[in-house]
Amino acid sequence: MNKLLLHILISFILALLLVHPVEAQQRKASMAQKKKEQVERNYKKAYAKARKRTIKHRREIQTEATKKRMDEADKRAEVYNKQNDPTFFERYFKRKKPGRR
């Protein structure tokens, strides 16, 4: 009986020692994933900022007549793109799709 208890105790301690490195590896993997996602977010943010600056600069270098034509073209594009969009009430009261179970 005593040998059996000692054998079970040693097996239990060894199992605990084996589980700890696995948890540490999972933690490191999740930390690496978070770091990767943060780098991606920062990259996208920097890209959007640079693109915005570029668009602003392209507009600034134009003449007044060209700026006016650009504004008119933007308005026409906005009207054209919004013509098939659902109204606020249609979006708000639209039936929701059932979620996955």
N, C-alpha and C. Protein backbone atom coordinates (compact mmCIF):
# COMPACT_ATOMS: atom_id res chain seq x y z
N MET A 1 0.83 -1.20 0.00
CA MET A 1 0.00 0.00 0.00
C MET A 1 0.87 1.25 0.00
N ASN A 2 1.91 1.24 0.77
CA ASN A 2 2.78 2.39 0.90
C ASN A 2 3.52 2.66 -0.42
N LYS A 3 3.98 1.59 -1.10
CA LYS A 3 4.67 1.73 -2.38
C LYS A 3 3.72 2.29 -3.44
N LEU A 4 2.48 1.84 -3.42
CA LEU A 4 1.48 2.32 -4.37
C LEU A 4 1.23 3.81 -4.18
N LEU A 5 1.09 4.24 -2.95
CA LEU A 5 0.87 5.66 -2.64
C LEU A 5 2.07 6.49 -3.07
N LEU A 6 3.27 6.00 -2.82
CA LEU A 6 4.48 6.70 -3.22
C LEU A 6 4.57 6.79 -4.75
N HIS A 7 4.22 5.71 -5.43
CA HIS A 7 4.24 5.69 -6.90
C HIS A 7 3.24 6.71 -7.47
N ILE A 8 2.04 6.77 -6.91
CA ILE A 8 1.01 7.72 -7.37
C ILE A 8 1.47 9.16 -7.11
N LEU A 9 2.06 9.41 -5.96
CA LEU A 9 2.54 10.75 -5.62
C LEU A 9 3.64 11.21 -6.57
N ILE A 10 4.58 10.34 -6.86
CA ILE A 10 5.67 10.69 -7.79
C ILE A 10 5.11 10.93 -9.19
N SER A 11 4.17 10.10 -9.63
CA SER A 11 3.55 10.29 -10.95
C SER A 11 2.83 11.63 -11.02
N PHE A 12 2.14 11.98 -9.96
CA PHE A 12 1.41 13.25 -9.91
C PHE A 12 2.37 14.44 -9.99
N ILE A 13 3.47 14.40 -9.26
CA ILE A 13 4.46 15.48 -9.28
C ILE A 13 5.10 15.61 -10.66
N LEU A 14 5.42 14.50 -11.27
CA LEU A 14 5.99 14.53 -12.62
C LEU A 14 5.00 15.10 -13.63
N ALA A 15 3.72 14.76 -13.48
CA ALA A 15 2.69 15.29 -14.38
C ALA A 15 2.60 16.81 -14.24
N LEU A 16 2.68 17.30 -13.00
CA LEU A 16 2.64 18.75 -12.78
C LEU A 16 3.83 19.44 -13.41
N LEU A 17 5.00 18.83 -13.31
CA LEU A 17 6.20 19.42 -13.89
C LEU A 17 6.13 19.44 -15.42
N LEU A 18 5.45 18.49 -16.02
CA LEU A 18 5.33 18.45 -17.47
C LEU A 18 4.30 19.46 -17.98
N VAL A 19 3.29 19.75 -17.20
CA VAL A 19 2.23 20.66 -17.63
C VAL A 19 2.72 22.10 -17.65
N HIS A 20 3.58 22.47 -16.73
CA HIS A 20 4.04 23.86 -16.62
C HIS A 20 4.71 24.38 -17.89
N PRO A 21 5.67 23.66 -18.50
CA PRO A 21 6.29 24.18 -19.72
C PRO A 21 5.29 24.35 -20.88
N VAL A 22 4.30 23.49 -20.94
CA VAL A 22 3.30 23.61 -22.00
C VAL A 22 2.52 24.90 -21.84
N GLU A 23 2.14 25.22 -20.60
CA GLU A 23 1.41 26.47 -20.35
C GLU A 23 2.28 27.67 -20.70
N ALA A 24 3.56 27.61 -20.37
CA ALA A 24 4.46 28.71 -20.68
C ALA A 24 4.58 28.90 -22.19
N GLN A 25 4.62 27.80 -22.93
CA GLN A 25 4.71 27.90 -24.39
C GLN A 25 3.44 28.52 -24.96
N GLN A 26 2.30 28.13 -24.43
CA GLN A 26 1.04 28.71 -24.91
C GLN A 26 1.00 30.20 -24.63
N ARG A 27 1.48 30.59 -23.46
CA ARG A 27 1.49 32.01 -23.10
C ARG A 27 2.41 32.79 -24.04
N LYS A 28 3.58 32.23 -24.32
CA LYS A 28 4.51 32.90 -25.23
C LYS A 28 3.92 33.01 -26.63
N ALA A 29 3.22 31.98 -27.06
CA ALA A 29 2.60 32.00 -28.38
C ALA A 29 1.51 33.07 -28.44
N SER A 30 0.70 33.17 -27.39
CA SER A 30 -0.36 34.19 -27.39
C SER A 30 0.23 35.58 -27.32
N MET A 31 1.31 35.75 -26.57
CA MET A 31 1.97 37.06 -26.49
C MET A 31 2.55 37.44 -27.86
N ALA A 32 3.14 36.46 -28.55
CA ALA A 32 3.69 36.73 -29.89
C ALA A 32 2.58 37.10 -30.85
N GLN A 33 1.44 36.44 -30.74
CA GLN A 33 0.30 36.75 -31.60
C GLN A 33 -0.20 38.18 -31.34
N LYS A 34 -0.30 38.56 -30.08
CA LYS A 34 -0.73 39.92 -29.74
C LYS A 34 0.25 40.95 -30.28
N LYS A 35 1.53 40.66 -30.15
CA LYS A 35 2.56 41.58 -30.64
C LYS A 35 2.44 41.73 -32.16
N LYS A 36 2.20 40.62 -32.85
CA LYS A 36 2.06 40.65 -34.31
C LYS A 36 0.85 41.49 -34.71
N GLU A 37 -0.27 41.32 -33.99
CA GLU A 37 -1.47 42.09 -34.29
C GLU A 37 -1.25 43.58 -34.03
N GLN A 38 -0.52 43.90 -32.97
CA GLN A 38 -0.22 45.30 -32.65
C GLN A 38 0.63 45.93 -33.75
N VAL A 39 1.62 45.20 -34.25
CA VAL A 39 2.46 45.70 -35.33
C VAL A 39 1.62 45.94 -36.58
N GLU A 40 0.71 45.01 -36.86
CA GLU A 40 -0.18 45.17 -38.02
C GLU A 40 -1.05 46.41 -37.89
N ARG A 41 -1.63 46.61 -36.69
CA ARG A 41 -2.47 47.79 -36.46
C ARG A 41 -1.66 49.07 -36.64
N ASN A 42 -0.44 49.08 -36.11
CA ASN A 42 0.40 50.27 -36.25
C ASN A 42 0.74 50.53 -37.72
N TYR A 43 1.01 49.46 -38.47
CA TYR A 43 1.32 49.61 -39.88
C TYR A 43 0.13 50.19 -40.65
N LYS A 44 -1.06 49.66 -40.39
CA LYS A 44 -2.25 50.16 -41.07
C LYS A 44 -2.52 51.61 -40.71
N LYS A 45 -2.32 51.96 -39.45
CA LYS A 45 -2.53 53.33 -38.99
C LYS A 45 -1.56 54.29 -39.69
N ALA A 46 -0.29 53.89 -39.77
CA ALA A 46 0.71 54.73 -40.43
C ALA A 46 0.41 54.86 -41.92
N TYR A 47 -0.05 53.77 -42.54
CA TYR A 47 -0.38 53.82 -43.96
C TYR A 47 -1.55 54.77 -44.21
N ALA A 48 -2.58 54.69 -43.37
CA ALA A 48 -3.73 55.57 -43.53
C ALA A 48 -3.34 57.03 -43.35
N LYS A 49 -2.48 57.29 -42.39
CA LYS A 49 -2.03 58.66 -42.14
C LYS A 49 -1.23 59.21 -43.33
N ALA A 50 -0.33 58.38 -43.87
CA ALA A 50 0.46 58.80 -45.02
C ALA A 50 -0.42 59.02 -46.24
N ARG A 51 -1.39 58.15 -46.43
CA ARG A 51 -2.31 58.30 -47.57
C ARG A 51 -3.11 59.58 -47.46
N LYS A 52 -3.56 59.90 -46.26
CA LYS A 52 -4.32 61.13 -46.04
C LYS A 52 -3.46 62.36 -46.35
N ARG A 53 -2.20 62.33 -45.92
CA ARG A 53 -1.29 63.45 -46.21
C ARG A 53 -1.08 63.60 -47.71
N THR A 54 -0.93 62.46 -48.40
CA THR A 54 -0.69 62.49 -49.84
C THR A 54 -1.89 63.08 -50.57
N ILE A 55 -3.09 62.66 -50.20
CA ILE A 55 -4.29 63.17 -50.84
C ILE A 55 -4.43 64.67 -50.59
N LYS A 56 -4.14 65.10 -49.38
CA LYS A 56 -4.21 66.52 -49.05
C LYS A 56 -3.21 67.31 -49.88
N HIS A 57 -2.00 66.78 -50.03
CA HIS A 57 -0.97 67.47 -50.83
C HIS A 57 -1.38 67.54 -52.30
N ARG A 58 -1.95 66.46 -52.83
CA ARG A 58 -2.37 66.47 -54.23
C ARG A 58 -3.43 67.54 -54.47
N ARG A 59 -4.29 67.73 -53.48
CA ARG A 59 -5.32 68.77 -53.63
C ARG A 59 -4.70 70.16 -53.54
N GLU A 60 -3.75 70.34 -52.64
CA GLU A 60 -3.16 71.67 -52.43
C GLU A 60 -2.41 72.17 -53.66
N ILE A 61 -1.83 71.28 -54.44
CA ILE A 61 -1.02 71.73 -55.58
C ILE A 61 -1.86 72.07 -56.81
N GLN A 62 -3.18 71.84 -56.74
CA GLN A 62 -4.04 72.12 -57.89
C GLN A 62 -4.43 73.60 -57.93
N THR A 63 -4.86 74.04 -59.12
CA THR A 63 -5.36 75.41 -59.26
C THR A 63 -6.79 75.46 -58.72
N GLU A 64 -7.31 76.68 -58.55
CA GLU A 64 -8.66 76.84 -58.00
C GLU A 64 -9.71 76.20 -58.89
N ALA A 65 -9.57 76.35 -60.22
CA ALA A 65 -10.54 75.77 -61.14
C ALA A 65 -10.53 74.24 -61.03
N THR A 66 -9.35 73.67 -60.92
CA THR A 66 -9.24 72.22 -60.80
C THR A 66 -9.84 71.74 -59.48
N LYS A 67 -9.60 72.48 -58.41
CA LYS A 67 -10.18 72.12 -57.11
C LYS A 67 -11.70 72.11 -57.19
N LYS A 68 -12.25 73.11 -57.89
CA LYS A 68 -13.71 73.19 -58.03
C LYS A 68 -14.23 71.97 -58.79
N ARG A 69 -13.55 71.60 -59.89
CA ARG A 69 -13.96 70.42 -60.65
C ARG A 69 -13.84 69.15 -59.81
N MET A 70 -12.81 69.07 -59.00
CA MET A 70 -12.63 67.90 -58.13
C MET A 70 -13.77 67.80 -57.12
N ASP A 71 -14.18 68.94 -56.55
CA ASP A 71 -15.29 68.95 -55.60
C ASP A 71 -16.58 68.48 -56.26
N GLU A 72 -16.85 68.98 -57.46
CA GLU A 72 -18.05 68.58 -58.18
C GLU A 72 -18.03 67.08 -58.49
N ALA A 73 -16.88 66.58 -58.90
CA ALA A 73 -16.76 65.15 -59.20
C ALA A 73 -16.99 64.32 -57.93
N ASP A 74 -16.46 64.78 -56.80
CA ASP A 74 -16.66 64.06 -55.53
C ASP A 74 -18.14 64.02 -55.16
N LYS A 75 -18.84 65.14 -55.36
CA LYS A 75 -20.27 65.19 -55.04
C LYS A 75 -21.06 64.24 -55.93
N ARG A 76 -20.74 64.24 -57.23
CA ARG A 76 -21.43 63.33 -58.15
C ARG A 76 -21.17 61.87 -57.76
N ALA A 77 -19.95 61.56 -57.40
CA ALA A 77 -19.60 60.19 -57.02
C ALA A 77 -20.35 59.78 -55.74
N GLU A 78 -20.44 60.71 -54.79
CA GLU A 78 -21.13 60.40 -53.54
C GLU A 78 -22.61 60.14 -53.79
N VAL A 79 -23.24 60.95 -54.62
CA VAL A 79 -24.65 60.75 -54.95
C VAL A 79 -24.84 59.42 -55.67
N TYR A 80 -23.96 59.11 -56.62
CA TYR A 80 -24.08 57.87 -57.36
C TYR A 80 -23.90 56.66 -56.46
N ASN A 81 -22.95 56.73 -55.56
CA ASN A 81 -22.68 55.58 -54.68
C ASN A 81 -23.75 55.38 -53.63
N LYS A 82 -24.47 56.43 -53.26
CA LYS A 82 -25.49 56.32 -52.23
C LYS A 82 -26.87 55.99 -52.77
N GLN A 83 -27.05 55.96 -54.08
CA GLN A 83 -28.39 55.81 -54.62
C GLN A 83 -29.02 54.45 -54.32
N ASN A 84 -28.23 53.42 -54.13
CA ASN A 84 -28.79 52.10 -53.83
C ASN A 84 -28.64 51.70 -52.37
N ASP A 85 -28.12 52.59 -51.55
CA ASP A 85 -27.98 52.28 -50.13
C ASP A 85 -29.34 52.30 -49.45
N PRO A 86 -29.57 51.38 -48.51
CA PRO A 86 -30.85 51.41 -47.79
C PRO A 86 -30.92 52.62 -46.86
N THR A 87 -32.13 53.09 -46.62
CA THR A 87 -32.31 54.24 -45.73
C THR A 87 -32.04 53.81 -44.30
N PHE A 88 -32.06 54.79 -43.39
CA PHE A 88 -31.79 54.52 -41.98
C PHE A 88 -32.78 53.51 -41.43
N PHE A 89 -34.06 53.70 -41.72
CA PHE A 89 -35.09 52.81 -41.16
C PHE A 89 -34.96 51.40 -41.71
N GLU A 90 -34.62 51.28 -42.98
CA GLU A 90 -34.44 49.95 -43.56
C GLU A 90 -33.26 49.23 -42.91
N ARG A 91 -32.19 49.96 -42.64
CA ARG A 91 -31.04 49.34 -41.99
C ARG A 91 -31.37 48.98 -40.54
N TYR A 92 -32.07 49.86 -39.86
CA TYR A 92 -32.34 49.67 -38.44
C TYR A 92 -33.31 48.53 -38.18
N PHE A 93 -34.35 48.43 -39.02
CA PHE A 93 -35.38 47.43 -38.80
C PHE A 93 -35.18 46.16 -39.62
N LYS A 94 -34.04 46.03 -40.26
CA LYS A 94 -33.75 44.84 -41.05
C LYS A 94 -33.70 43.63 -40.13
N ARG A 95 -34.25 42.52 -40.62
CA ARG A 95 -34.24 41.30 -39.81
C ARG A 95 -32.80 40.82 -39.64
N LYS A 96 -32.50 40.46 -38.45
CA LYS A 96 -31.16 39.97 -38.14
C LYS A 96 -31.07 38.50 -38.51
N LYS A 97 -29.92 38.11 -39.03
CA LYS A 97 -29.69 36.70 -39.35
C LYS A 97 -29.42 35.97 -38.04
N PRO A 98 -29.96 34.76 -37.90
CA PRO A 98 -29.69 34.03 -36.66
C PRO A 98 -28.21 33.67 -36.55
N GLY A 99 -27.66 33.78 -35.34
CA GLY A 99 -26.26 33.49 -35.12
C GLY A 99 -25.96 32.01 -35.20
N ARG A 100 -24.70 31.73 -35.33
CA ARG A 100 -24.29 30.31 -35.36
C ARG A 100 -24.32 29.76 -33.95
N ARG A 101 -24.71 28.54 -33.85
CA ARG A 101 -24.80 27.90 -32.53
C ARG A 101 -23.66 26.98 -32.29
